[in-house]
């Protein structure tokens, strides 16, 4: 059974930090990139960042560059998203996804991922 389980969300004030974790199981970790998407109520699914588990390359959407950092521990099948300098507009449900290696050039497209988790809520207050 494929599972992607997120943790680490919560409520913080603007300017604060959170570290999200994604635990992956049930598939060959190295065959996929692992990314993070977010979605706020009434909003579209939005790619945040992605990491290639095969070569370690990282990718970020513009709003995440310089504030967010994605990393992985391949031995543990874990991916992390360190989020700093959080803004109110970062509030959303954050979920991790598994993107086949052949689709990594399109990692930010919701059609690219095969699997996703339920997500963890991030709320940033003024």
Foldseek 3Di string as FASTA:
>chain_A
DWAWDKDWADEEAAQAKIKMKIQTDDDQLQQWKKFKWWDAVVGDIWTAKIARPNPGDIDGDPVNPPFWDWGDDNVRRMIMIIGGRDDQVVWTFMKMFTFGPVQVVVVGDPVRTDDMHPGDTHGYHD
